[in-house]
Amino acid sequence: MGVPKIALCCLVILTVVSLIHCANLKTNTINQGGVDKSTAQLIESLRHQISTKEEELQKAEKVNKNFERMIQLVNILGQVDSFLTDRTKNMIKKLAVLAEDKTANIED
Protein backbone atom coordinates (compact mmCIF):
# COMPACT_ATOMS: atom_id res chain seq x y z
CA MET A 1 0.00 0.00 0.00
CA GLY A 2 1.47 3.29 -1.01
CA VAL A 3 0.56 6.83 -0.25
CA PRO A 4 -2.56 7.91 -2.12
CA LYS A 5 -1.89 10.21 -5.07
CA ILE A 6 -4.14 12.95 -3.71
CA ALA A 7 -2.20 13.08 -0.42
CA LEU A 8 1.05 13.26 -2.34
CA CYS A 9 -0.26 16.11 -4.53
CA CYS A 10 -1.47 18.02 -1.45
CA LEU A 11 1.95 17.59 0.17
CA VAL A 12 3.71 18.92 -2.94
CA ILE A 13 1.36 21.92 -3.20
CA LEU A 14 1.76 22.69 0.51
CA THR A 15 5.55 22.52 0.17
CA VAL A 16 5.55 24.88 -2.84
CA VAL A 17 3.30 27.37 -1.04
CA SER A 18 5.55 27.25 2.03
CA LEU A 19 8.64 27.86 -0.09
CA ILE A 20 7.02 30.83 -1.81
CA HIS A 21 5.98 32.28 1.54
CA CYS A 22 9.50 31.83 2.95
CA ALA A 23 10.98 33.46 -0.14
CA ASN A 24 8.73 36.49 0.37
CA LEU A 25 9.82 36.74 4.02
CA LYS A 26 13.50 36.38 3.16
CA THR A 27 13.40 39.07 0.49
CA ASN A 28 11.58 41.32 2.98
CA THR A 29 8.69 42.03 0.61
CA ILE A 30 5.00 42.29 1.26
CA ASN A 31 2.59 40.68 -1.16
CA GLN A 32 -0.07 43.38 -1.43
CA GLY A 33 -2.49 41.05 -3.18
CA GLY A 34 -2.42 38.46 -0.38
CA VAL A 35 -2.26 40.87 2.55
CA ASP A 36 -4.69 43.68 3.21
CA LYS A 37 -3.40 47.23 3.43
CA SER A 38 -3.85 47.63 7.19
CA THR A 39 -1.64 44.60 7.81
CA ALA A 40 0.93 45.91 5.35
CA GLN A 41 0.88 49.31 7.07
CA LEU A 42 1.27 47.62 10.45
CA ILE A 43 4.27 45.65 9.19
CA GLU A 44 5.87 48.77 7.75
CA SER A 45 5.22 50.64 10.98
CA LEU A 46 6.85 47.85 12.97
CA ARG A 47 9.84 47.83 10.60
CA HIS A 48 10.21 51.59 11.09
CA GLN A 49 10.01 51.24 14.88
CA ILE A 50 12.59 48.46 14.85
CA SER A 51 15.00 50.48 12.72
CA THR A 52 14.51 53.48 15.03
CA LYS A 53 15.26 51.35 18.09
CA GLU A 54 18.34 49.89 16.37
CA GLU A 55 19.62 53.40 15.65
CA GLU A 56 19.02 54.42 19.28
CA LEU A 57 20.88 51.33 20.45
CA GLN A 58 23.83 52.11 18.19
CA LYS A 59 23.94 55.70 19.49
CA ALA A 60 23.81 54.46 23.08
CA GLU A 61 26.68 52.05 22.37
CA LYS A 62 28.74 54.90 20.91
CA VAL A 63 28.07 57.08 23.96
CA ASN A 64 28.95 54.20 26.27
CA LYS A 65 32.19 53.57 24.39
CA ASN A 66 33.09 57.28 24.61
CA PHE A 67 32.43 57.28 28.36
CA GLU A 68 34.67 54.24 28.76
CA ARG A 69 37.44 56.06 26.87
CA MET A 70 36.99 59.13 29.07
CA ILE A 71 37.24 56.98 32.20
CA GLN A 72 40.43 55.38 30.86
CA LEU A 73 41.87 58.84 30.19
CA VAL A 74 40.98 60.02 33.70
CA ASN A 75 42.64 56.91 35.15
CA ILE A 76 45.81 57.57 33.14
CA LEU A 77 45.84 61.22 34.21
CA GLY A 78 45.41 60.11 37.83
CA GLN A 79 48.41 57.81 37.52
CA VAL A 80 50.49 60.60 35.97
CA ASP A 81 49.40 62.93 38.77
CA SER A 82 50.40 60.37 41.43
CA PHE A 83 53.78 59.86 39.74
CA LEU A 84 54.49 63.59 39.54
CA THR A 85 53.35 64.12 43.14
CA ASP A 86 55.67 61.38 44.40
CA ARG A 87 58.59 62.74 42.38
CA THR A 88 57.95 66.28 43.64
CA LYS A 89 57.78 65.11 47.26
CA ASN A 90 61.07 63.23 46.85
CA MET A 91 62.74 66.27 45.29
CA ILE A 92 61.51 68.54 48.11
CA LYS A 93 62.81 66.09 50.72
CA LYS A 94 66.20 65.98 48.99
CA LEU A 95 66.31 69.77 48.78
CA ALA A 96 65.42 70.00 52.49
CA VAL A 97 68.23 67.61 53.36
CA LEU A 98 70.67 69.63 51.21
CA ALA A 99 69.50 72.88 52.79
CA GLU A 100 70.03 71.44 56.28
CA ASP A 101 73.54 70.30 55.31
CA LYS A 102 74.40 73.74 53.95
CA THR A 103 73.12 75.53 57.07
CA ALA A 104 75.03 73.06 59.22
CA ASN A 105 78.21 73.78 57.24
CA ILE A 106 77.71 77.52 57.49
CA GLU A 107 77.21 77.38 61.28
CA ASP A 108 80.42 75.40 61.75
PDB file of N, CA and C in Angstrom:
ATOM      1  N   MET A   1       0.829  -1.163   0.000  1.00  0.00           N
ATOM      2  CA  MET A   1       0.000   0.000   0.000  1.00  0.00           C
ATOM      3  C   MET A   1       0.881   1.235   0.000  1.00  0.00           C
ATOM      4  N   GLY A   2       0.707   2.070  -0.924  1.00  0.00           N
ATOM      5  CA  GLY A   2       1.469   3.294  -1.012  1.00  0.00           C
ATOM      6  C   GLY A   2       0.639   4.480  -0.538  1.00  0.00           C
ATOM      7  N   VAL A   3       1.240   5.607  -0.625  1.00  0.00           N
ATOM      8  CA  VAL A   3       0.564   6.832  -0.246  1.00  0.00           C
ATOM      9  C   VAL A   3      -0.385   7.200  -1.378  1.00  0.00           C
ATOM     10  N   PRO A   4      -1.616   7.558  -1.052  1.00  0.00           N
ATOM     11  CA  PRO A   4      -2.562   7.911  -2.119  1.00  0.00           C
ATOM     12  C   PRO A   4      -2.060   9.121  -2.906  1.00  0.00           C
ATOM     13  N   LYS A   5      -2.368   9.138  -4.188  1.00  0.00           N
ATOM     14  CA  LYS A   5      -1.895  10.210  -5.073  1.00  0.00           C
ATOM     15  C   LYS A   5      -2.401  11.572  -4.627  1.00  0.00           C
ATOM     16  N   ILE A   6      -3.592  11.659  -4.127  1.00  0.00           N
ATOM     17  CA  ILE A   6      -4.144  12.951  -3.711  1.00  0.00           C
ATOM     18  C   ILE A   6      -3.377  13.503  -2.526  1.00  0.00           C
ATOM     19  N   ALA A   7      -2.973  12.634  -1.582  1.00  0.00           N
ATOM     20  CA  ALA A   7      -2.202  13.084  -0.418  1.00  0.00           C
ATOM     21  C   ALA A   7      -0.833  13.577  -0.865  1.00  0.00           C
ATOM     22  N   LEU A   8      -0.247  12.868  -1.818  1.00  0.00           N
ATOM     23  CA  LEU A   8       1.055  13.256  -2.339  1.00  0.00           C
ATOM     24  C   LEU A   8       0.970  14.597  -3.056  1.00  0.00           C
ATOM     25  N   CYS A   9      -0.072  14.826  -3.844  1.00  0.00           N
ATOM     26  CA  CYS A   9      -0.263  16.106  -4.534  1.00  0.00           C
ATOM     27  C   CYS A   9      -0.468  17.238  -3.527  1.00  0.00           C
ATOM     28  N   CYS A  10      -1.244  16.993  -2.482  1.00  0.00           N
ATOM     29  CA  CYS A  10      -1.468  18.017  -1.450  1.00  0.00           C
ATOM     30  C   CYS A  10      -0.157  18.360  -0.751  1.00  0.00           C
ATOM     31  N   LEU A  11       0.656  17.365  -0.479  1.00  0.00           N
ATOM     32  CA  LEU A  11       1.949  17.595   0.174  1.00  0.00           C
ATOM     33  C   LEU A  11       2.863  18.434  -0.713  1.00  0.00           C
ATOM     34  N   VAL A  12       2.886  18.150  -2.006  1.00  0.00           N
ATOM     35  CA  VAL A  12       3.711  18.917  -2.939  1.00  0.00           C
ATOM     36  C   VAL A  12       3.215  20.366  -3.010  1.00  0.00           C
ATOM     37  N   ILE A  13       1.919  20.559  -3.120  1.00  0.00           N
ATOM     38  CA  ILE A  13       1.357  21.916  -3.202  1.00  0.00           C
ATOM     39  C   ILE A  13       1.653  22.686  -1.910  1.00  0.00           C
ATOM     40  N   LEU A  14       1.485  22.038  -0.768  1.00  0.00           N
ATOM     41  CA  LEU A  14       1.765  22.687   0.512  1.00  0.00           C
ATOM     42  C   LEU A  14       3.235  23.075   0.612  1.00  0.00           C
ATOM     43  N   THR A  15       4.116  22.228   0.152  1.00  0.00           N
ATOM     44  CA  THR A  15       5.555  22.521   0.167  1.00  0.00           C
ATOM     45  C   THR A  15       5.871  23.712  -0.724  1.00  0.00           C
ATOM     46  N   VAL A  16       5.302  23.765  -1.912  1.00  0.00           N
ATOM     47  CA  VAL A  16       5.546  24.877  -2.836  1.00  0.00           C
ATOM     48  C   VAL A  16       5.026  26.189  -2.234  1.00  0.00           C
ATOM     49  N   VAL A  17       3.853  26.168  -1.654  1.00  0.00           N
ATOM     50  CA  VAL A  17       3.300  27.370  -1.037  1.00  0.00           C
ATOM     51  C   VAL A  17       4.187  27.833   0.117  1.00  0.00           C
ATOM     52  N   SER A  18       4.658  26.895   0.918  1.00  0.00           N
ATOM     53  CA  SER A  18       5.549  27.250   2.034  1.00  0.00           C
ATOM     54  C   SER A  18       6.844  27.862   1.531  1.00  0.00           C
ATOM     55  N   LEU A  19       7.399  27.305   0.472  1.00  0.00           N
ATOM     56  CA  LEU A  19       8.640  27.861  -0.091  1.00  0.00           C
ATOM     57  C   LEU A  19       8.421  29.267  -0.633  1.00  0.00           C
ATOM     58  N   ILE A  20       7.307  29.499  -1.283  1.00  0.00           N
ATOM     59  CA  ILE A  20       7.018  30.831  -1.808  1.00  0.00           C
ATOM     60  C   ILE A  20       6.853  31.823  -0.651  1.00  0.00           C
ATOM     61  N   HIS A  21       6.166  31.399   0.379  1.00  0.00           N
ATOM     62  CA  HIS A  21       5.978  32.280   1.542  1.00  0.00           C
ATOM     63  C   HIS A  21       7.322  32.597   2.200  1.00  0.00           C
ATOM     64  N   CYS A  22       8.168  31.596   2.356  1.00  0.00           N
ATOM     65  CA  CYS A  22       9.496  31.825   2.947  1.00  0.00           C
ATOM     66  C   CYS A  22      10.329  32.748   2.063  1.00  0.00           C
ATOM     67  N   ALA A  23      10.221  32.593   0.766  1.00  0.00           N
ATOM     68  CA  ALA A  23      10.981  33.456  -0.143  1.00  0.00           C
ATOM     69  C   ALA A  23      10.532  34.901   0.011  1.00  0.00           C
ATOM     70  N   ASN A  24       9.238  35.133   0.168  1.00  0.00           N
ATOM     71  CA  ASN A  24       8.733  36.489   0.372  1.00  0.00           C
ATOM     72  C   ASN A  24       9.250  37.074   1.686  1.00  0.00           C
ATOM     73  N   LEU A  25       9.315  36.253   2.735  1.00  0.00           N
ATOM     74  CA  LEU A  25       9.819  36.738   4.016  1.00  0.00           C
ATOM     75  C   LEU A  25      11.317  37.036   3.939  1.00  0.00           C
ATOM     76  N   LYS A  26      12.057  36.189   3.246  1.00  0.00           N
ATOM     77  CA  LYS A  26      13.504  36.380   3.165  1.00  0.00           C
ATOM     78  C   LYS A  26      13.870  37.609   2.343  1.00  0.00           C
ATOM     79  N   THR A  27      13.089  37.900   1.311  1.00  0.00           N
ATOM     80  CA  THR A  27      13.396  39.074   0.490  1.00  0.00           C
ATOM     81  C   THR A  27      12.808  40.333   1.090  1.00  0.00           C
ATOM     82  N   ASN A  28      12.103  40.176   2.240  1.00  0.00           N
ATOM     83  CA  ASN A  28      11.578  41.322   2.980  1.00  0.00           C
ATOM     84  C   ASN A  28      10.562  42.108   2.151  1.00  0.00           C
ATOM     85  N   THR A  29       9.713  41.381   1.418  1.00  0.00           N
ATOM     86  CA  THR A  29       8.687  42.034   0.613  1.00  0.00           C
ATOM     87  C   THR A  29       7.315  41.690   1.162  1.00  0.00           C
ATOM     88  N   ILE A  30       6.378  42.536   0.850  1.00  0.00           N
ATOM     89  CA  ILE A  30       4.996  42.294   1.261  1.00  0.00           C
ATOM     90  C   ILE A  30       4.167  42.078   0.004  1.00  0.00           C
ATOM     91  N   ASN A  31       3.455  40.986  -0.040  1.00  0.00           N
ATOM     92  CA  ASN A  31       2.591  40.677  -1.159  1.00  0.00           C
ATOM     93  C   ASN A  31       1.281  41.424  -0.948  1.00  0.00           C
ATOM     94  N   GLN A  32       1.099  42.536  -1.641  1.00  0.00           N
ATOM     95  CA  GLN A  32      -0.068  43.378  -1.435  1.00  0.00           C
ATOM     96  C   GLN A  32      -1.356  42.661  -1.838  1.00  0.00           C
ATOM     97  N   GLY A  33      -1.268  41.752  -2.764  1.00  0.00           N
ATOM     98  CA  GLY A  33      -2.486  41.050  -3.177  1.00  0.00           C
ATOM     99  C   GLY A  33      -2.963  40.079  -2.115  1.00  0.00           C
ATOM    100  N   GLY A  34      -2.054  39.451  -1.383  1.00  0.00           N
ATOM    101  CA  GLY A  34      -2.418  38.455  -0.380  1.00  0.00           C
ATOM    102  C   GLY A  34      -2.638  39.054   0.998  1.00  0.00           C
ATOM    103  N   VAL A  35      -2.156  40.255   1.232  1.00  0.00           N
ATOM    104  CA  VAL A  35      -2.258  40.870   2.554  1.00  0.00           C
ATOM    105  C   VAL A  35      -3.003  42.184   2.412  1.00  0.00           C
ATOM    106  N   ASP A  36      -3.949  42.427   3.325  1.00  0.00           N
ATOM    107  CA  ASP A  36      -4.685  43.679   3.214  1.00  0.00           C
ATOM    108  C   ASP A  36      -3.798  44.856   3.612  1.00  0.00           C
ATOM    109  N   LYS A  37      -4.236  46.039   3.258  1.00  0.00           N
ATOM    110  CA  LYS A  37      -3.399  47.227   3.431  1.00  0.00           C
ATOM    111  C   LYS A  37      -3.133  47.552   4.893  1.00  0.00           C
ATOM    112  N   SER A  38      -4.075  47.312   5.776  1.00  0.00           N
ATOM    113  CA  SER A  38      -3.848  47.627   7.189  1.00  0.00           C
ATOM    114  C   SER A  38      -2.745  46.751   7.765  1.00  0.00           C
ATOM    115  N   THR A  39      -2.709  45.492   7.358  1.00  0.00           N
ATOM    116  CA  THR A  39      -1.641  44.599   7.808  1.00  0.00           C
ATOM    117  C   THR A  39      -0.304  45.046   7.236  1.00  0.00           C
ATOM    118  N   ALA A  40      -0.306  45.444   5.972  1.00  0.00           N
ATOM    119  CA  ALA A  40       0.931  45.914   5.347  1.00  0.00           C
ATOM    120  C   ALA A  40       1.423  47.184   6.035  1.00  0.00           C
ATOM    121  N   GLN A  41       0.492  48.086   6.374  1.00  0.00           N
ATOM    122  CA  GLN A  41       0.885  49.305   7.075  1.00  0.00           C
ATOM    123  C   GLN A  41       1.417  48.992   8.466  1.00  0.00           C
ATOM    124  N   LEU A  42       0.809  48.027   9.136  1.00  0.00           N
ATOM    125  CA  LEU A  42       1.272  47.618  10.453  1.00  0.00           C
ATOM    126  C   LEU A  42       2.691  47.055  10.370  1.00  0.00           C
ATOM    127  N   ILE A  43       2.926  46.232   9.369  1.00  0.00           N
ATOM    128  CA  ILE A  43       4.266  45.646   9.191  1.00  0.00           C
ATOM    129  C   ILE A  43       5.286  46.738   8.905  1.00  0.00           C
ATOM    130  N   GLU A  44       4.947  47.673   8.060  1.00  0.00           N
ATOM    131  CA  GLU A  44       5.869  48.774   7.747  1.00  0.00           C
ATOM    132  C   GLU A  44       6.114  49.643   8.976  1.00  0.00           C
ATOM    133  N   SER A  45       5.064  49.869   9.756  1.00  0.00           N
ATOM    134  CA  SER A  45       5.219  50.644  10.984  1.00  0.00           C
ATOM    135  C   SER A  45       6.150  49.933  11.954  1.00  0.00           C
ATOM    136  N   LEU A  46       5.979  48.627  12.084  1.00  0.00           N
ATOM    137  CA  LEU A  46       6.851  47.852  12.965  1.00  0.00           C
ATOM    138  C   LEU A  46       8.300  47.873  12.472  1.00  0.00           C
ATOM    139  N   ARG A  47       8.483  47.772  11.164  1.00  0.00           N
ATOM    140  CA  ARG A  47       9.842  47.835  10.602  1.00  0.00           C
ATOM    141  C   ARG A  47      10.484  49.183  10.915  1.00  0.00           C
ATOM    142  N   HIS A  48       9.693  50.250  10.795  1.00  0.00           N
ATOM    143  CA  HIS A  48      10.212  51.586  11.088  1.00  0.00           C
ATOM    144  C   HIS A  48      10.578  51.708  12.575  1.00  0.00           C
ATOM    145  N   GLN A  49       9.723  51.194  13.445  1.00  0.00           N
ATOM    146  CA  GLN A  49      10.005  51.242  14.875  1.00  0.00           C
ATOM    147  C   GLN A  49      11.254  50.441  15.221  1.00  0.00           C
ATOM    148  N   ILE A  50      11.405  49.284  14.598  1.00  0.00           N
ATOM    149  CA  ILE A  50      12.586  48.456  14.853  1.00  0.00           C
ATOM    150  C   ILE A  50      13.846  49.167  14.394  1.00  0.00           C
ATOM    151  N   SER A  51      13.805  49.774  13.208  1.00  0.00           N
ATOM    152  CA  SER A  51      14.997  50.479  12.723  1.00  0.00           C
ATOM    153  C   SER A  51      15.324  51.676  13.605  1.00  0.00           C
ATOM    154  N   THR A  52      14.289  52.360  14.110  1.00  0.00           N
ATOM    155  CA  THR A  52      14.514  53.482  15.027  1.00  0.00           C
ATOM    156  C   THR A  52      15.164  52.993  16.315  1.00  0.00           C
ATOM    157  N   LYS A  53      14.676  51.902  16.858  1.00  0.00           N
ATOM    158  CA  LYS A  53      15.261  51.346  18.086  1.00  0.00           C
ATOM    159  C   LYS A  53      16.693  50.889  17.849  1.00  0.00           C
ATOM    160  N   GLU A  54      16.975  50.311  16.683  1.00  0.00           N
ATOM    161  CA  GLU A  54      18.341  49.887  16.367  1.00  0.00           C
ATOM    162  C   GLU A  54      19.272  51.091  16.308  1.00  0.00           C
ATOM    163  N   GLU A  55      18.802  52.185  15.719  1.00  0.00           N
ATOM    164  CA  GLU A  55      19.619  53.404  15.653  1.00  0.00           C
ATOM    165  C   GLU A  55      19.876  53.953  17.054  1.00  0.00           C
ATOM    166  N   GLU A  56      18.842  53.951  17.900  1.00  0.00           N
ATOM    167  CA  GLU A  56      19.016  54.423  19.279  1.00  0.00           C
ATOM    168  C   GLU A  56      20.017  53.560  20.023  1.00  0.00           C
ATOM    169  N   LEU A  57      19.950  52.255  19.796  1.00  0.00           N
ATOM    170  CA  LEU A  57      20.877  51.329  20.447  1.00  0.00           C
ATOM    171  C   LEU A  57      22.310  51.584  19.987  1.00  0.00           C
ATOM    172  N   GLN A  58      22.496  51.823  18.700  1.00  0.00           N
ATOM    173  CA  GLN A  58      23.833  52.115  18.187  1.00  0.00           C
ATOM    174  C   GLN A  58      24.371  53.418  18.766  1.00  0.00           C
ATOM    175  N   LYS A  59      23.517  54.436  18.885  1.00  0.00           N
ATOM    176  CA  LYS A  59      23.942  55.705  19.490  1.00  0.00           C
ATOM    177  C   LYS A  59      24.324  55.496  20.950  1.00  0.00           C
ATOM    178  N   ALA A  60      23.522  54.720  21.667  1.00  0.00           N
ATOM    179  CA  ALA A  60      23.815  54.460  23.079  1.00  0.00           C
ATOM    180  C   ALA A  60      25.137  53.712  23.229  1.00  0.00           C
ATOM    181  N   GLU A  61      25.402  52.773  22.329  1.00  0.00           N
ATOM    182  CA  GLU A  61      26.675  52.046  22.374  1.00  0.00           C
ATOM    183  C   GLU A  61      27.847  52.981  22.118  1.00  0.00           C
ATOM    184  N   LYS A  62      27.683  53.923  21.180  1.00  0.00           N
ATOM    185  CA  LYS A  62      28.740  54.904  20.913  1.00  0.00           C
ATOM    186  C   LYS A  62      29.003  55.762  22.141  1.00  0.00           C
ATOM    187  N   VAL A  63      27.924  56.244  22.765  1.00  0.00           N
ATOM    188  CA  VAL A  63      28.072  57.083  23.958  1.00  0.00           C
ATOM    189  C   VAL A  63      28.760  56.288  25.069  1.00  0.00           C
ATOM    190  N   ASN A  64      28.352  55.046  25.247  1.00  0.00           N
ATOM    191  CA  ASN A  64      28.951  54.198  26.273  1.00  0.00           C
ATOM    192  C   ASN A  64      30.442  53.995  26.004  1.00  0.00           C
ATOM    193  N   LYS A  65      30.789  53.760  24.754  1.00  0.00           N
ATOM    194  CA  LYS A  65      32.190  53.570  24.391  1.00  0.00           C
ATOM    195  C   LYS A  65      32.994  54.853  24.652  1.00  0.00           C
ATOM    196  N   ASN A  66      32.404  56.006  24.345  1.00  0.00           N
ATOM    197  CA  ASN A  66      33.087  57.276  24.607  1.00  0.00           C
ATOM    198  C   ASN A  66      33.281  57.508  26.103  1.00  0.00           C
ATOM    199  N   PHE A  67      32.274  57.156  26.909  1.00  0.00           N
ATOM    200  CA  PHE A  67      32.433  57.282  28.357  1.00  0.00           C
ATOM    201  C   PHE A  67      33.537  56.367  28.871  1.00  0.00           C
ATOM    202  N   GLU A  68      33.611  55.159  28.349  1.00  0.00           N
ATOM    203  CA  GLU A  68      34.675  54.244  28.756  1.00  0.00           C
ATOM    204  C   GLU A  68      36.044  54.826  28.417  1.00  0.00           C
ATOM    205  N   ARG A  69      36.174  55.429  27.250  1.00  0.00           N
ATOM    206  CA  ARG A  69      37.445  56.063  26.873  1.00  0.00           C
ATOM    207  C   ARG A  69      37.777  57.221  27.799  1.00  0.00           C
ATOM    208  N   MET A  70      36.754  58.012  28.158  1.00  0.00           N
ATOM    209  CA  MET A  70      36.990  59.128  29.068  1.00  0.00           C
ATOM    210  C   MET A  70      37.449  58.621  30.435  1.00  0.00           C
ATOM    211  N   ILE A  71      36.836  57.551  30.920  1.00  0.00           N
ATOM    212  CA  ILE A  71      37.239  56.978  32.201  1.00  0.00           C
ATOM    213  C   ILE A  71      38.677  56.473  32.132  1.00  0.00           C
ATOM    214  N   GLN A  72      39.045  55.834  31.029  1.00  0.00           N
ATOM    215  CA  GLN A  72      40.430  55.383  30.858  1.00  0.00           C
ATOM    216  C   GLN A  72      41.389  56.565  30.882  1.00  0.00           C
ATOM    217  N   LEU A  73      41.023  57.655  30.210  1.00  0.00           N
ATOM    218  CA  LEU A  73      41.870  58.844  30.188  1.00  0.00           C
ATOM    219  C   LEU A  73      42.018  59.428  31.590  1.00  0.00           C
ATOM    220  N   VAL A  74      40.920  59.495  32.339  1.00  0.00           N
ATOM    221  CA  VAL A  74      40.982  60.020  33.701  1.00  0.00           C
ATOM    222  C   VAL A  74      41.870  59.129  34.570  1.00  0.00           C
ATOM    223  N   ASN A  75      41.779  57.822  34.397  1.00  0.00           N
ATOM    224  CA  ASN A  75      42.638  56.906  35.151  1.00  0.00           C
ATOM    225  C   ASN A  75      44.110  57.145  34.821  1.00  0.00           C
ATOM    226  N   ILE A  76      44.416  57.320  33.558  1.00  0.00           N
ATOM    227  CA  ILE A  76      45.806  57.569  33.144  1.00  0.00           C
ATOM    228  C   ILE A  76      46.294  58.891  33.728  1.00  0.00           C
ATOM    229  N   LEU A  77      45.452  59.927  33.642  1.00  0.00           N
ATOM    230  CA  LEU A  77      45.840  61.222  34.207  1.00  0.00           C
ATOM    231  C   LEU A  77      46.035  61.120  35.720  1.00  0.00           C
ATOM    232  N   GLY A  78      45.236  60.317  36.389  1.00  0.00           N
ATOM    233  CA  GLY A  78      45.405  60.108  37.827  1.00  0.00           C
ATOM    234  C   GLY A  78      46.734  59.447  38.144  1.00  0.00           C
ATOM    235  N   GLN A  79      47.127  58.479  37.317  1.00  0.00           N
ATOM    236  CA  GLN A  79      48.412  57.815  37.520  1.00  0.00           C
ATOM    237  C   GLN A  79      49.566  58.777  37.283  1.00  0.00           C
ATOM    238  N   VAL A  80      49.451  59.610  36.243  1.00  0.00           N
ATOM    239  CA  VAL A  80      50.488  60.604  35.966  1.00  0.00           C
ATOM    240  C   VAL A  80      50.574  61.584  37.127  1.00  0.00           C
ATOM    241  N   ASP A  81      49.427  62.003  37.642  1.00  0.00           N
ATOM    242  CA  ASP A  81      49.403  62.933  38.774  1.00  0.00           C
ATOM    243  C   ASP A  81      50.077  62.310  39.995  1.00  0.00           C
ATOM    244  N   SER A  82      49.770  61.048  40.288  1.00  0.00           N
ATOM    245  CA  SER A  82      50.402  60.370  41.430  1.00  0.00           C
ATOM    246  C   SER A  82      51.911  60.277  41.240  1.00  0.00           C
ATOM    247  N   PHE A  83      52.343  59.951  40.035  1.00  0.00           N
ATOM    248  CA  PHE A  83      53.780  59.857  39.744  1.00  0.00           C
ATOM    249  C   PHE A  83      54.462  61.203  39.961  1.00  0.00           C
ATOM    250  N   LEU A  84      53.874  62.262  39.401  1.00  0.00           N
ATOM    251  CA  LEU A  84      54.485  63.593  39.543  1.00  0.00           C
ATOM    252  C   LEU A  84      54.478  64.054  41.001  1.00  0.00           C
ATOM    253  N   THR A  85      53.412  63.747  41.731  1.00  0.00           N
ATOM    254  CA  THR A  85      53.350  64.121  43.144  1.00  0.00           C
ATOM    255  C   THR A  85      54.447  63.420  43.932  1.00  0.00           C
ATOM    256  N   ASP A  86      54.617  62.128  43.702  1.00  0.00           N
ATOM    257  CA  ASP A  86      55.668  61.383  44.397  1.00  0.00           C
ATOM    258  C   ASP A  86      57.055  61.930  44.069  1.00  0.00           C
ATOM    259  N   ARG A  87      57.286  62.196  42.790  1.00  0.00           N
ATOM    260  CA  ARG A  87      58.593  62.739  42.385  1.00  0.00           C
ATOM    261  C   ARG A  87      58.844  64.106  43.010  1.00  0.00           C
ATOM    262  N   THR A  88      57.808  64.933  43.059  1.00  0.00           N
ATOM    263  CA  THR A  88      57.949  66.276  43.640  1.00  0.00           C
ATOM    264  C   THR A  88      58.249  66.176  45.136  1.00  0.00           C
ATOM    265  N   LYS A  89      57.532  65.294  45.829  1.00  0.00           N
ATOM    266  CA  LYS A  89      57.785  65.106  47.263  1.00  0.00           C
ATOM    267  C   LYS A  89      59.223  64.652  47.500  1.00  0.00           C
ATOM    268  N   ASN A  90      59.693  63.712  46.697  1.00  0.00           N
ATOM    269  CA  ASN A  90      61.070  63.230  46.848  1.00  0.00           C
ATOM    270  C   ASN A  90      62.073  64.352  46.607  1.00  0.00           C
ATOM    271  N   MET A  91      61.824  65.159  45.583  1.00  0.00           N
ATOM    272  CA  MET A  91      62.738  66.269  45.286  1.00  0.00           C
ATOM    273  C   MET A  91      62.754  67.278  46.429  1.00  0.00           C
ATOM    274  N   ILE A  92      61.579  67.585  47.000  1.00  0.00           N
ATOM    275  CA  ILE A  92      61.507  68.536  48.108  1.00  0.00           C
ATOM    276  C   ILE A  92      62.244  67.990  49.325  1.00  0.00           C
ATOM    277  N   LYS A  93      62.084  66.704  49.600  1.00  0.00           N
ATOM    278  CA  LYS A  93      62.808  66.092  50.721  1.00  0.00           C
ATOM    279  C   LYS A  93      64.319  66.183  50.513  1.00  0.00           C
ATOM    280  N   LYS A  94      64.763  65.897  49.285  1.00  0.00           N
ATOM    281  CA  LYS A  94      66.202  65.977  48.989  1.00  0.00           C
ATOM    282  C   LYS A  94      66.709  67.410  49.123  1.00  0.00           C
ATOM    283  N   LEU A  95      65.914  68.369  48.634  1.00  0.00           N
ATOM    284  CA  LEU A  95      66.305  69.775  48.776  1.00  0.00           C
ATOM    285  C   LEU A  95      66.347  70.187  50.248  1.00  0.00           C
ATOM    286  N   ALA A  96      65.427  69.696  51.056  1.00  0.00           N
ATOM    287  CA  ALA A  96      65.419  70.005  52.487  1.00  0.00           C
ATOM    288  C   ALA A  96      66.657  69.433  53.164  1.00  0.00           C
ATOM    289  N   VAL A  97      67.027  68.219  52.793  1.00  0.00           N
ATOM    290  CA  VAL A  97      68.233  67.606  53.357  1.00  0.00           C
ATOM    291  C   VAL A  97      69.462  68.406  52.944  1.00  0.00           C
ATOM    292  N   LEU A  98      69.533  68.822  51.677  1.00  0.00           N
ATOM    293  CA  LEU A  98      70.674  69.627  51.214  1.00  0.00           C
ATOM    294  C   LEU A  98      70.719  70.974  51.910  1.00  0.00           C
ATOM    295  N   ALA A  99      69.544  71.578  52.106  1.00  0.00           N
ATOM    296  CA  ALA A  99      69.498  72.877  52.791  1.00  0.00           C
ATOM    297  C   ALA A  99      69.967  72.735  54.229  1.00  0.00           C
ATOM    298  N   GLU A 100      69.576  71.669  54.908  1.00  0.00           N
ATOM    299  CA  GLU A 100      70.032  71.435  56.278  1.00  0.00           C
ATOM    300  C   GLU A 100      71.542  71.236  56.330  1.00  0.00           C
ATOM    301  N   ASP A 101      72.090  70.512  55.338  1.00  0.00           N
ATOM    302  CA  ASP A 101      73.535  70.301  55.306  1.00  0.00           C
ATOM    303  C   ASP A 101      74.266  71.628  55.075  1.00  0.00           C
ATOM    304  N   LYS A 102      73.740  72.466  54.228  1.00  0.00           N
ATOM    305  CA  LYS A 102      74.403  73.745  53.951  1.00  0.00           C
ATOM    306  C   LYS A 102      74.348  74.651  55.184  1.00  0.00           C
ATOM    307  N   THR A 103      73.205  74.696  55.857  1.00  0.00           N
ATOM    308  CA  THR A 103      73.119  75.532  57.073  1.00  0.00           C
ATOM    309  C   THR A 103      74.007  74.968  58.160  1.00  0.00           C
ATOM    310  N   ALA A 104      74.146  73.661  58.216  1.00  0.00           N
ATOM    311  CA  ALA A 104      75.031  73.063  59.222  1.00  0.00           C
ATOM    312  C   ALA A 104      76.475  73.405  58.919  1.00  0.00           C
ATOM    313  N   ASN A 105      76.836  73.425  57.622  1.00  0.00           N
ATOM    314  CA  ASN A 105      78.211  73.778  57.236  1.00  0.00           C
ATOM    315  C   ASN A 105      78.490  75.232  57.476  1.00  0.00           C
ATOM    316  N   ILE A 106      77.495  76.085  57.287  1.00  0.00           N
ATOM    317  CA  ILE A 106      77.706  77.525  57.490  1.00  0.00           C
ATOM    318  C   ILE A 106      77.894  77.815  58.976  1.00  0.00           C
ATOM    319  N   GLU A 107      77.139  77.157  59.842  1.00  0.00           N
ATOM    320  CA  GLU A 107      77.214  77.384  61.279  1.00  0.00           C
ATOM    321  C   GLU A 107      78.538  76.879  61.847  1.00  0.00           C
ATOM    322  N   ASP A 108      79.143  75.929  61.216  1.00  0.00           N
ATOM    323  CA  ASP A 108      80.421  75.400  61.751  1.00  0.00           C
ATOM    324  C   ASP A 108      81.494  76.343  61.502  1.00  0.00           C
TER     325      ASP A 108
END
